[in-house]
């Protein structure tokens, strides 16, 4: 859905101002390359926080605590 939105937005930009649309088309890979290290840092921090959470909850898990299951539409009937 994001891709469809991006294509439609680019087509509208192409109709309104074609030189800017072509510039966006040329510069988009460069912007993606510049943003790539920030995405990698974000993935690393997400993994680090997941590890810390697992480490902090380890004693409770060893004592038998389990996280609640996601409550669906049939959870109230059970």
PDB file of N, CA and C in Angstrom:
ATOM      1  N   UNK A   1       0.826  -1.190   0.000  1.00  0.00           N
ATOM      2  CA  UNK A   1       0.000   0.000   0.000  1.00  0.00           C
ATOM      3  C   UNK A   1       0.873   1.258   0.000  1.00  0.00           C
ATOM      4  N   UNK A   2       2.021   1.178   0.705  1.00  0.00           N
ATOM      5  CA  UNK A   2       2.926   2.321   0.711  1.00  0.00           C
ATOM      6  C   UNK A   2       3.486   2.583  -0.688  1.00  0.00           C
ATOM      7  N   UNK A   3       3.763   1.500  -1.398  1.00  0.00           N
ATOM      8  CA  UNK A   3       4.318   1.653  -2.740  1.00  0.00           C
ATOM      9  C   UNK A   3       3.309   2.301  -3.676  1.00  0.00           C
ATOM     10  N   UNK A   4       2.056   1.885  -3.577  1.00  0.00           N
ATOM     11  CA  UNK A   4       1.008   2.481  -4.408  1.00  0.00           C
ATOM     12  C   UNK A   4       0.864   3.959  -4.111  1.00  0.00           C
ATOM     13  N   UNK A   5       0.897   4.317  -2.827  1.00  0.00           N
ATOM     14  CA  UNK A   5       0.796   5.721  -2.449  1.00  0.00           C
ATOM     15  C   UNK A   5       1.975   6.518  -3.007  1.00  0.00           C
ATOM     16  N   UNK A   6       3.182   5.956  -2.930  1.00  0.00           N
ATOM     17  CA  UNK A   6       4.365   6.649  -3.443  1.00  0.00           C
ATOM     18  C   UNK A   6       4.279   6.840  -4.959  1.00  0.00           C
ATOM     19  N   UNK A   7       3.806   5.845  -5.676  1.00  0.00           N
ATOM     20  CA  UNK A   7       3.687   5.958  -7.133  1.00  0.00           C
ATOM     21  C   UNK A   7       2.647   7.015  -7.512  1.00  0.00           C
ATOM     22  N   UNK A   8       1.519   7.007  -6.831  1.00  0.00           N
ATOM     23  CA  UNK A   8       0.477   8.003  -7.122  1.00  0.00           C
ATOM     24  C   UNK A   8       0.981   9.399  -6.789  1.00  0.00           C
ATOM     25  N   UNK A   9       1.673   9.559  -5.658  1.00  0.00           N
ATOM     26  CA  UNK A   9       2.210  10.873  -5.288  1.00  0.00           C
ATOM     27  C   UNK A   9       3.238  11.331  -6.311  1.00  0.00           C
ATOM     28  N   UNK A  10       4.080  10.398  -6.789  1.00  0.00           N
ATOM     29  CA  UNK A  10       5.069  10.786  -7.787  1.00  0.00           C
ATOM     30  C   UNK A  10       4.399  11.182  -9.109  1.00  0.00           C
ATOM     31  N   UNK A  11       3.346  10.470  -9.491  1.00  0.00           N
ATOM     32  CA  UNK A  11       2.628  10.823 -10.725  1.00  0.00           C
ATOM     33  C   UNK A  11       1.995  12.202 -10.619  1.00  0.00           C
ATOM     34  N   UNK A  12       1.425  12.517  -9.463  1.00  0.00           N
ATOM     35  CA  UNK A  12       0.846  13.854  -9.261  1.00  0.00           C
ATOM     36  C   UNK A  12       1.948  14.907  -9.328  1.00  0.00           C
ATOM     37  N   UNK A  13       3.088  14.621  -8.688  1.00  0.00           N
ATOM     38  CA  UNK A  13       4.210  15.556  -8.760  1.00  0.00           C
ATOM     39  C   UNK A  13       4.707  15.695 -10.189  1.00  0.00           C
ATOM     40  N   UNK A  14       4.713  14.612 -10.938  1.00  0.00           N
ATOM     41  CA  UNK A  14       5.159  14.664 -12.334  1.00  0.00           C
ATOM     42  C   UNK A  14       4.243  15.553 -13.167  1.00  0.00           C
ATOM     43  N   UNK A  15       2.947  15.497 -12.906  1.00  0.00           N
ATOM     44  CA  UNK A  15       2.005  16.344 -13.643  1.00  0.00           C
ATOM     45  C   UNK A  15       2.161  17.804 -13.241  1.00  0.00           C
ATOM     46  N   UNK A  16       2.378  18.047 -11.951  1.00  0.00           N
ATOM     47  CA  UNK A  16       2.461  19.429 -11.474  1.00  0.00           C
ATOM     48  C   UNK A  16       3.803  20.080 -11.792  1.00  0.00           C
ATOM     49  N   UNK A  17       4.894  19.340 -11.623  1.00  0.00           N
ATOM     50  CA  UNK A  17       6.222  19.916 -11.835  1.00  0.00           C
ATOM     51  C   UNK A  17       7.177  18.796 -12.245  1.00  0.00           C
ATOM     52  N   UNK A  18       7.269  18.540 -13.557  1.00  0.00           N
ATOM     53  CA  UNK A  18       8.027  17.386 -14.007  1.00  0.00           C
ATOM     54  C   UNK A  18       9.529  17.480 -13.728  1.00  0.00           C
ATOM     55  N   UNK A  19      10.153  18.672 -13.744  1.00  0.00           N
ATOM     56  CA  UNK A  19      11.592  18.668 -13.412  1.00  0.00           C
ATOM     57  C   UNK A  19      11.857  18.221 -11.964  1.00  0.00           C
ATOM     58  N   UNK A  20      10.992  18.644 -11.036  1.00  0.00           N
ATOM     59  CA  UNK A  20      11.153  18.233  -9.652  1.00  0.00           C
ATOM     60  C   UNK A  20      10.907  16.733  -9.493  1.00  0.00           C
ATOM     61  N   UNK A  21       9.943  16.201 -10.237  1.00  0.00           N
ATOM     62  CA  UNK A  21       9.657  14.764 -10.170  1.00  0.00           C
ATOM     63  C   UNK A  21      10.844  13.955 -10.689  1.00  0.00           C
ATOM     64  N   UNK A  22      11.477  14.409 -11.749  1.00  0.00           N
ATOM     65  CA  UNK A  22      12.657  13.708 -12.265  1.00  0.00           C
ATOM     66  C   UNK A  22      13.838  13.813 -11.298  1.00  0.00           C
ATOM     67  N   UNK A  23      13.963  14.970 -10.647  1.00  0.00           N
ATOM     68  CA  UNK A  23      15.015  15.134  -9.646  1.00  0.00           C
ATOM     69  C   UNK A  23      14.808  14.181  -8.471  1.00  0.00           C
ATOM     70  N   UNK A  24      13.554  14.048  -8.038  1.00  0.00           N
ATOM     71  CA  UNK A  24      13.234  13.103  -6.962  1.00  0.00           C
ATOM     72  C   UNK A  24      13.555  11.682  -7.402  1.00  0.00           C
ATOM     73  N   UNK A  25      13.242  11.360  -8.630  1.00  0.00           N
ATOM     74  CA  UNK A  25      13.513  10.011  -9.139  1.00  0.00           C
ATOM     75  C   UNK A  25      15.008   9.704  -9.154  1.00  0.00           C
ATOM     76  N   UNK A  26      15.821  10.709  -9.455  1.00  0.00           N
ATOM     77  CA  UNK A  26      17.271  10.512  -9.511  1.00  0.00           C
ATOM     78  C   UNK A  26      17.886  10.491  -8.110  1.00  0.00           C
ATOM     79  N   UNK A  27      17.387  11.360  -7.208  1.00  0.00           N
ATOM     80  CA  UNK A  27      17.992  11.477  -5.880  1.00  0.00           C
ATOM     81  C   UNK A  27      17.493  10.448  -4.870  1.00  0.00           C
ATOM     82  N   UNK A  28      16.383   9.766  -5.153  1.00  0.00           N
ATOM     83  CA  UNK A  28      15.827   8.833  -4.181  1.00  0.00           C
ATOM     84  C   UNK A  28      16.806   7.721  -3.772  1.00  0.00           C
ATOM     85  N   UNK A  29      17.555   7.108  -4.700  1.00  0.00           N
ATOM     86  CA  UNK A  29      18.531   6.087  -4.260  1.00  0.00           C
ATOM     87  C   UNK A  29      19.619   6.660  -3.355  1.00  0.00           C
ATOM     88  N   UNK A  30      20.019   7.906  -3.581  1.00  0.00           N
ATOM     89  CA  UNK A  30      21.026   8.517  -2.713  1.00  0.00           C
ATOM     90  C   UNK A  30      20.469   8.762  -1.312  1.00  0.00           C
ATOM     91  N   UNK A  31      19.230   9.209  -1.239  1.00  0.00           N
ATOM     92  CA  UNK A  31      18.590   9.417   0.059  1.00  0.00           C
ATOM     93  C   UNK A  31      18.469   8.082   0.788  1.00  0.00           C
ATOM     94  N   UNK A  32      18.131   7.018   0.062  1.00  0.00           N
ATOM     95  CA  UNK A  32      18.011   5.695   0.662  1.00  0.00           C
ATOM     96  C   UNK A  32      19.361   5.233   1.217  1.00  0.00           C
ATOM     97  N   UNK A  33      20.446   5.481   0.473  1.00  0.00           N
ATOM     98  CA  UNK A  33      21.777   5.090   0.938  1.00  0.00           C
ATOM     99  C   UNK A  33      22.201   5.872   2.176  1.00  0.00           C
ATOM    100  N   UNK A  34      21.853   7.163   2.242  1.00  0.00           N
ATOM    101  CA  UNK A  34      22.192   7.968   3.413  1.00  0.00           C
ATOM    102  C   UNK A  34      21.396   7.504   4.624  1.00  0.00           C
ATOM    103  N   UNK A  35      20.138   7.093   4.436  1.00  0.00           N
ATOM    104  CA  UNK A  35      19.288   6.675   5.547  1.00  0.00           C
ATOM    105  C   UNK A  35      19.599   5.259   6.026  1.00  0.00           C
ATOM    106  N   UNK A  36      20.291   4.470   5.237  1.00  0.00           N
ATOM    107  CA  UNK A  36      20.552   3.071   5.584  1.00  0.00           C
ATOM    108  C   UNK A  36      21.297   2.886   6.910  1.00  0.00           C
ATOM    109  N   UNK A  37      22.352   3.654   7.206  1.00  0.00           N
ATOM    110  CA  UNK A  37      23.005   3.471   8.513  1.00  0.00           C
ATOM    111  C   UNK A  37      22.076   3.762   9.686  1.00  0.00           C
ATOM    112  N   UNK A  38      21.191   4.737   9.556  1.00  0.00           N
ATOM    113  CA  UNK A  38      20.258   5.050  10.634  1.00  0.00           C
ATOM    114  C   UNK A  38      19.267   3.905  10.843  1.00  0.00           C
ATOM    115  N   UNK A  39      18.849   3.280   9.772  1.00  0.00           N
ATOM    116  CA  UNK A  39      17.964   2.117   9.900  1.00  0.00           C
ATOM    117  C   UNK A  39      18.681   0.961  10.589  1.00  0.00           C
ATOM    118  N   UNK A  40      19.944   0.757  10.249  1.00  0.00           N
ATOM    119  CA  UNK A  40      20.716  -0.310  10.887  1.00  0.00           C
ATOM    120  C   UNK A  40      20.906  -0.046  12.383  1.00  0.00           C
ATOM    121  N   UNK A  41      21.137   1.215  12.748  1.00  0.00           N
ATOM    122  CA  UNK A  41      21.250   1.570  14.163  1.00  0.00           C
ATOM    123  C   UNK A  41      19.920   1.313  14.862  1.00  0.00           C
ATOM    124  N   UNK A  42      18.808   1.640  14.213  1.00  0.00           N
ATOM    125  CA  UNK A  42      17.495   1.388  14.796  1.00  0.00           C
ATOM    126  C   UNK A  42      17.238  -0.096  15.015  1.00  0.00           C
ATOM    127  N   UNK A  43      17.613  -0.910  14.062  1.00  0.00           N
ATOM    128  CA  UNK A  43      17.453  -2.361  14.201  1.00  0.00           C
ATOM    129  C   UNK A  43      18.314  -2.881  15.343  1.00  0.00           C
ATOM    130  N   UNK A  44      19.534  -2.352  15.459  1.00  0.00           N
ATOM    131  CA  UNK A  44      20.437  -2.774  16.531  1.00  0.00           C
ATOM    132  C   UNK A  44      19.873  -2.419  17.899  1.00  0.00           C
ATOM    133  N   UNK A  45      19.351  -1.207  18.044  1.00  0.00           N
ATOM    134  CA  UNK A  45      18.789  -0.806  19.332  1.00  0.00           C
ATOM    135  C   UNK A  45      17.525  -1.589  19.663  1.00  0.00           C
ATOM    136  N   UNK A  46      16.725  -1.905  18.668  1.00  0.00           N
ATOM    137  CA  UNK A  46      15.541  -2.731  18.915  1.00  0.00           C
ATOM    138  C   UNK A  46      15.944  -4.108  19.429  1.00  0.00           C
ATOM    139  N   UNK A  47      16.959  -4.691  18.817  1.00  0.00           N
ATOM    140  CA  UNK A  47      17.443  -5.996  19.270  1.00  0.00           C
ATOM    141  C   UNK A  47      18.042  -5.895  20.668  1.00  0.00           C
ATOM    142  N   UNK A  48      18.768  -4.825  20.944  1.00  0.00           N
ATOM    143  CA  UNK A  48      19.364  -4.647  22.266  1.00  0.00           C
ATOM    144  C   UNK A  48      18.294  -4.540  23.347  1.00  0.00           C
ATOM    145  N   UNK A  49      17.243  -3.757  23.088  1.00  0.00           N
ATOM    146  CA  UNK A  49      16.175  -3.608  24.074  1.00  0.00           C
ATOM    147  C   UNK A  49      15.383  -4.901  24.250  1.00  0.00           C
ATOM    148  N   UNK A  50      15.198  -5.664  23.188  1.00  0.00           N
ATOM    149  CA  UNK A  50      14.529  -6.963  23.315  1.00  0.00           C
ATOM    150  C   UNK A  50      15.375  -7.914  24.160  1.00  0.00           C
ATOM    151  N   UNK A  51      16.680  -7.878  23.971  1.00  0.00           N
ATOM    152  CA  UNK A  51      17.571  -8.719  24.775  1.00  0.00           C
ATOM    153  C   UNK A  51      17.529  -8.311  26.241  1.00  0.00           C
ATOM    154  N   UNK A  52      17.565  -7.004  26.510  1.00  0.00           N
ATOM    155  CA  UNK A  52      17.504  -6.537  27.894  1.00  0.00           C
ATOM    156  C   UNK A  52      16.181  -6.905  28.551  1.00  0.00           C
ATOM    157  N   UNK A  53      15.090  -6.810  27.807  1.00  0.00           N
ATOM    158  CA  UNK A  53      13.795  -7.200  28.355  1.00  0.00           C
ATOM    159  C   UNK A  53      13.777  -8.688  28.679  1.00  0.00           C
ATOM    160  N   UNK A  54      14.300  -9.501  27.779  1.00  0.00           N
ATOM    161  CA  UNK A  54      14.343 -10.944  28.038  1.00  0.00           C
ATOM    162  C   UNK A  54      15.225 -11.249  29.243  1.00  0.00           C
ATOM    163  N   UNK A  55      16.326 -10.527  29.388  1.00  0.00           N
ATOM    164  CA  UNK A  55      17.221 -10.739  30.509  1.00  0.00           C
ATOM    165  C   UNK A  55      16.573 -10.331  31.834  1.00  0.00           C
ATOM    166  N   UNK A  56      15.839  -9.217  31.832  1.00  0.00           N
ATOM    167  CA  UNK A  56      15.193  -8.753  33.056  1.00  0.00           C
ATOM    168  C   UNK A  56      14.018  -9.634  33.461  1.00  0.00           C
ATOM    169  N   UNK A  57      13.324 -10.203  32.490  1.00  0.00           N
ATOM    170  CA  UNK A  57      12.177 -11.046  32.798  1.00  0.00           C
ATOM    171  C   UNK A  57      12.552 -12.513  33.001  1.00  0.00           C
ATOM    172  N   UNK A  58      13.827 -12.843  32.850  1.00  0.00           N
ATOM    173  CA  UNK A  58      14.253 -14.228  32.988  1.00  0.00           C
ATOM    174  C   UNK A  58      13.924 -14.825  34.364  1.00  0.00           C
ATOM    175  N   UNK A  59      14.165 -14.121  35.478  1.00  0.00           N
ATOM    176  CA  UNK A  59      13.810 -14.729  36.768  1.00  0.00           C
ATOM    177  C   UNK A  59      12.316 -15.042  36.882  1.00  0.00           C
ATOM    178  N   UNK A  60      11.480 -14.161  36.403  1.00  0.00           N
ATOM    179  CA  UNK A  60      10.043 -14.411  36.463  1.00  0.00           C
ATOM    180  C   UNK A  60       9.663 -15.588  35.567  1.00  0.00           C
ATOM    181  N   UNK A  61      10.282 -15.686  34.415  1.00  0.00           N
ATOM    182  CA  UNK A  61       9.983 -16.810  33.517  1.00  0.00           C
ATOM    183  C   UNK A  61      10.423 -18.135  34.139  1.00  0.00           C
ATOM    184  N   UNK A  62      11.542 -18.117  34.850  1.00  0.00           N
ATOM    185  CA  UNK A  62      12.013 -19.335  35.504  1.00  0.00           C
ATOM    186  C   UNK A  62      11.084 -19.766  36.636  1.00  0.00           C
ATOM    187  N   UNK A  63      10.381 -18.792  37.248  1.00  0.00           N
ATOM    188  CA  UNK A  63       9.433 -19.108  38.319  1.00  0.00           C
ATOM    189  C   UNK A  63       8.047 -19.471  37.796  1.00  0.00           C
ATOM    190  N   UNK A  64       7.870 -19.505  36.496  1.00  0.00           N
ATOM    191  CA  UNK A  64       6.623 -19.992  35.920  1.00  0.00           C
ATOM    192  C   UNK A  64       5.696 -18.936  35.367  1.00  0.00           C
ATOM    193  N   UNK A  65       6.067 -17.670  35.365  1.00  0.00           N
ATOM    194  CA  UNK A  65       5.209 -16.627  34.817  1.00  0.00           C
ATOM    195  C   UNK A  65       5.225 -16.689  33.301  1.00  0.00           C
ATOM    196  N   UNK A  66       4.058 -16.556  32.712  1.00  0.00           N
ATOM    197  CA  UNK A  66       3.936 -16.518  31.246  1.00  0.00           C
ATOM    198  C   UNK A  66       3.165 -15.260  30.861  1.00  0.00           C
ATOM    199  N   UNK A  67       3.555 -14.608  29.792  1.00  0.00           N
ATOM    200  CA  UNK A  67       2.800 -13.424  29.356  1.00  0.00           C
ATOM    201  C   UNK A  67       1.392 -13.812  28.926  1.00  0.00           C
ATOM    202  N   UNK A  68       0.451 -12.878  29.100  1.00  0.00           N
ATOM    203  CA  UNK A  68      -0.930 -13.143  28.698  1.00  0.00           C
ATOM    204  C   UNK A  68      -1.030 -13.308  27.197  1.00  0.00           C
ATOM    205  N   UNK A  69      -1.958 -14.166  26.797  1.00  0.00           N
ATOM    206  CA  UNK A  69      -2.217 -14.336  25.369  1.00  0.00           C
ATOM    207  C   UNK A  69      -3.022 -13.143  24.880  1.00  0.00           C
ATOM    208  N   UNK A  70      -2.872 -12.822  23.612  1.00  0.00           N
ATOM    209  CA  UNK A  70      -3.646 -11.722  23.046  1.00  0.00           C
ATOM    210  C   UNK A  70      -5.121 -12.089  23.089  1.00  0.00           C
ATOM    211  N   UNK A  71      -5.932 -11.155  23.568  1.00  0.00           N
ATOM    212  CA  UNK A  71      -7.357 -11.434  23.706  1.00  0.00           C
ATOM    213  C   UNK A  71      -8.057 -11.163  22.383  1.00  0.00           C
ATOM    214  N   UNK A  72      -8.646 -12.197  21.831  1.00  0.00           N
ATOM    215  CA  UNK A  72      -9.379 -12.087  20.580  1.00  0.00           C
ATOM    216  C   UNK A  72     -10.851 -11.866  20.845  1.00  0.00           C
ATOM    217  N   UNK A  73     -11.678 -11.955  19.826  1.00  0.00           N
ATOM    218  CA  UNK A  73     -13.120 -11.735  20.007  1.00  0.00           C
ATOM    219  C   UNK A  73     -13.791 -12.842  20.806  1.00  0.00           C
ATOM    220  N   UNK A  74     -13.184 -14.037  20.872  1.00  0.00           N
ATOM    221  CA  UNK A  74     -13.808 -15.157  21.581  1.00  0.00           C
ATOM    222  C   UNK A  74     -13.266 -15.320  23.002  1.00  0.00           C
ATOM    223  N   UNK A  75     -12.394 -14.419  23.451  1.00  0.00           N
ATOM    224  CA  UNK A  75     -11.777 -14.565  24.766  1.00  0.00           C
ATOM    225  C   UNK A  75     -12.806 -14.353  25.877  1.00  0.00           C
ATOM    226  N   UNK A  76     -13.793 -13.497  25.656  1.00  0.00           N
ATOM    227  CA  UNK A  76     -14.799 -13.237  26.702  1.00  0.00           C
ATOM    228  C   UNK A  76     -15.715 -14.436  26.900  1.00  0.00           C
ATOM    229  N   UNK A  77     -15.932 -15.230  25.860  1.00  0.00           N
ATOM    230  CA  UNK A  77     -16.820 -16.378  25.950  1.00  0.00           C
ATOM    231  C   UNK A  77     -16.174 -17.538  26.695  1.00  0.00           C
ATOM    232  N   UNK A  78     -14.866 -17.598  26.692  1.00  0.00           N
ATOM    233  CA  UNK A  78     -14.166 -18.727  27.327  1.00  0.00           C
ATOM    234  C   UNK A  78     -14.121 -18.612  28.832  1.00  0.00           C
TER     235      UNK A  78
END
